[in-house]
Amino acid sequence: MTKPTDIRAKSADQLGEMLLDLRREQFNLRFQRATGQTEGASRVRDVRRDIARVKTILAEKTISAAKS
């Protein structure tokens, strides 16, 4: 699980890359679950929450850039 303060310190480009990596991991975890090779249900939940965190902070950065 990534802390919000660590995510806020990154640039928009870094957040985009992080989001892409998290989505790939989520995809792979879905395949593992479908084939019965689950790593653990908690990791699926953590990845989903990290994706939400990144998307929220990315939206905040976009809004604050538009106001400036």
C-alpha atoms as a PDB file:
ATOM      1  CA  MET A   1       0.000   0.000   0.000  1.00  0.00           C
ATOM      2  CA  THR A   2       1.341   3.384  -0.993  1.00  0.00           C
ATOM      3  CA  LYS A   3       0.968   6.377   1.290  1.00  0.00           C
ATOM      4  CA  PRO A   4      -0.794   9.466  -0.079  1.00  0.00           C
ATOM      5  CA  THR A   5       2.154  11.683   0.884  1.00  0.00           C
ATOM      6  CA  ASP A   6       4.456   9.581  -1.304  1.00  0.00           C
ATOM      7  CA  ILE A   7       2.022   9.841  -4.198  1.00  0.00           C
ATOM      8  CA  ARG A   8       1.608  13.626  -3.835  1.00  0.00           C
ATOM      9  CA  ALA A   9       5.384  14.097  -4.117  1.00  0.00           C
ATOM     10  CA  LYS A  10       5.394  12.664  -7.658  1.00  0.00           C
ATOM     11  CA  SER A  11       4.867  14.582 -10.891  1.00  0.00           C
ATOM     12  CA  ALA A  12       1.890  14.050 -13.182  1.00  0.00           C
ATOM     13  CA  ASP A  13       4.016  11.979 -15.584  1.00  0.00           C
ATOM     14  CA  GLN A  14       5.234   9.755 -12.762  1.00  0.00           C
ATOM     15  CA  LEU A  15       1.650   9.318 -11.566  1.00  0.00           C
ATOM     16  CA  GLY A  16       0.594   8.281 -15.067  1.00  0.00           C
ATOM     17  CA  GLU A  17       3.316   5.634 -15.148  1.00  0.00           C
ATOM     18  CA  MET A  18       2.387   4.468 -11.663  1.00  0.00           C
ATOM     19  CA  LEU A  19      -1.263   4.167 -12.684  1.00  0.00           C
ATOM     20  CA  LEU A  20      -0.295   2.113 -15.731  1.00  0.00           C
ATOM     21  CA  ASP A  21       1.832  -0.227 -13.594  1.00  0.00           C
ATOM     22  CA  LEU A  22      -0.959  -0.655 -11.060  1.00  0.00           C
ATOM     23  CA  ARG A  23      -3.478  -1.479 -13.785  1.00  0.00           C
ATOM     24  CA  ARG A  24      -1.119  -4.093 -15.214  1.00  0.00           C
ATOM     25  CA  GLU A  25      -0.730  -5.618 -11.777  1.00  0.00           C
ATOM     26  CA  GLN A  26      -4.502  -5.618 -11.301  1.00  0.00           C
ATOM     27  CA  PHE A  27      -4.913  -7.391 -14.645  1.00  0.00           C
ATOM     28  CA  ASN A  28      -2.347 -10.030 -13.681  1.00  0.00           C
ATOM     29  CA  LEU A  29      -3.991 -10.558 -10.289  1.00  0.00           C
ATOM     30  CA  ARG A  30      -7.342 -11.089 -12.006  1.00  0.00           C
ATOM     31  CA  PHE A  31      -5.803 -13.785 -14.182  1.00  0.00           C
ATOM     32  CA  GLN A  32      -4.201 -15.423 -11.155  1.00  0.00           C
ATOM     33  CA  ARG A  33      -7.556 -15.484  -9.394  1.00  0.00           C
ATOM     34  CA  ALA A  34      -9.267 -16.993 -12.442  1.00  0.00           C
ATOM     35  CA  THR A  35      -6.688 -19.776 -12.690  1.00  0.00           C
ATOM     36  CA  GLY A  36      -6.656 -20.449  -8.958  1.00  0.00           C
ATOM     37  CA  GLN A  37      -3.138 -19.130  -8.331  1.00  0.00           C
ATOM     38  CA  THR A  38      -4.157 -16.289  -6.063  1.00  0.00           C
ATOM     39  CA  GLU A  39      -1.437 -14.403  -4.299  1.00  0.00           C
ATOM     40  CA  GLY A  40      -3.914 -13.225  -1.713  1.00  0.00           C
ATOM     41  CA  ALA A  41      -7.163 -11.334  -1.688  1.00  0.00           C
ATOM     42  CA  SER A  42      -5.626  -8.505   0.298  1.00  0.00           C
ATOM     43  CA  ARG A  43      -3.233  -7.605  -2.550  1.00  0.00           C
ATOM     44  CA  VAL A  44      -6.159  -7.268  -4.966  1.00  0.00           C
ATOM     45  CA  ARG A  45      -7.828  -4.852  -2.561  1.00  0.00           C
ATOM     46  CA  ASP A  46      -4.603  -2.895  -1.986  1.00  0.00           C
ATOM     47  CA  VAL A  47      -3.999  -2.468  -5.714  1.00  0.00           C
ATOM     48  CA  ARG A  48      -7.555  -1.292  -6.258  1.00  0.00           C
ATOM     49  CA  ARG A  49      -7.213   1.269  -3.472  1.00  0.00           C
ATOM     50  CA  ASP A  50      -3.836   2.459  -4.763  1.00  0.00           C
ATOM     51  CA  ILE A  51      -5.388   3.017  -8.201  1.00  0.00           C
ATOM     52  CA  ALA A  52      -8.108   5.124  -6.599  1.00  0.00           C
ATOM     53  CA  ARG A  53      -5.514   7.127  -4.641  1.00  0.00           C
ATOM     54  CA  VAL A  54      -3.441   7.853  -7.737  1.00  0.00           C
ATOM     55  CA  LYS A  55      -6.488   8.855  -9.777  1.00  0.00           C
ATOM     56  CA  THR A  56      -7.724  11.168  -7.014  1.00  0.00           C
ATOM     57  CA  ILE A  57      -4.386  12.928  -6.581  1.00  0.00           C
ATOM     58  CA  LEU A  58      -3.945  13.192 -10.349  1.00  0.00           C
ATOM     59  CA  ALA A  59      -7.356  14.873 -10.575  1.00  0.00           C
ATOM     60  CA  GLU A  60      -6.427  17.254  -7.736  1.00  0.00           C
ATOM     61  CA  LYS A  61      -3.229  18.229  -9.546  1.00  0.00           C
ATOM     62  CA  THR A  62      -5.157  18.813 -12.786  1.00  0.00           C
ATOM     63  CA  ILE A  63      -7.700  21.039 -11.051  1.00  0.00           C
ATOM     64  CA  SER A  64      -5.054  23.062  -9.231  1.00  0.00           C
ATOM     65  CA  ALA A  65      -3.109  23.528 -12.494  1.00  0.00           C
ATOM     66  CA  ALA A  66      -6.251  24.757 -14.232  1.00  0.00           C
ATOM     67  CA  LYS A  67      -6.868  27.349 -11.508  1.00  0.00           C
ATOM     68  CA  SER A  68      -3.356  28.765 -11.746  1.00  0.00           C
END
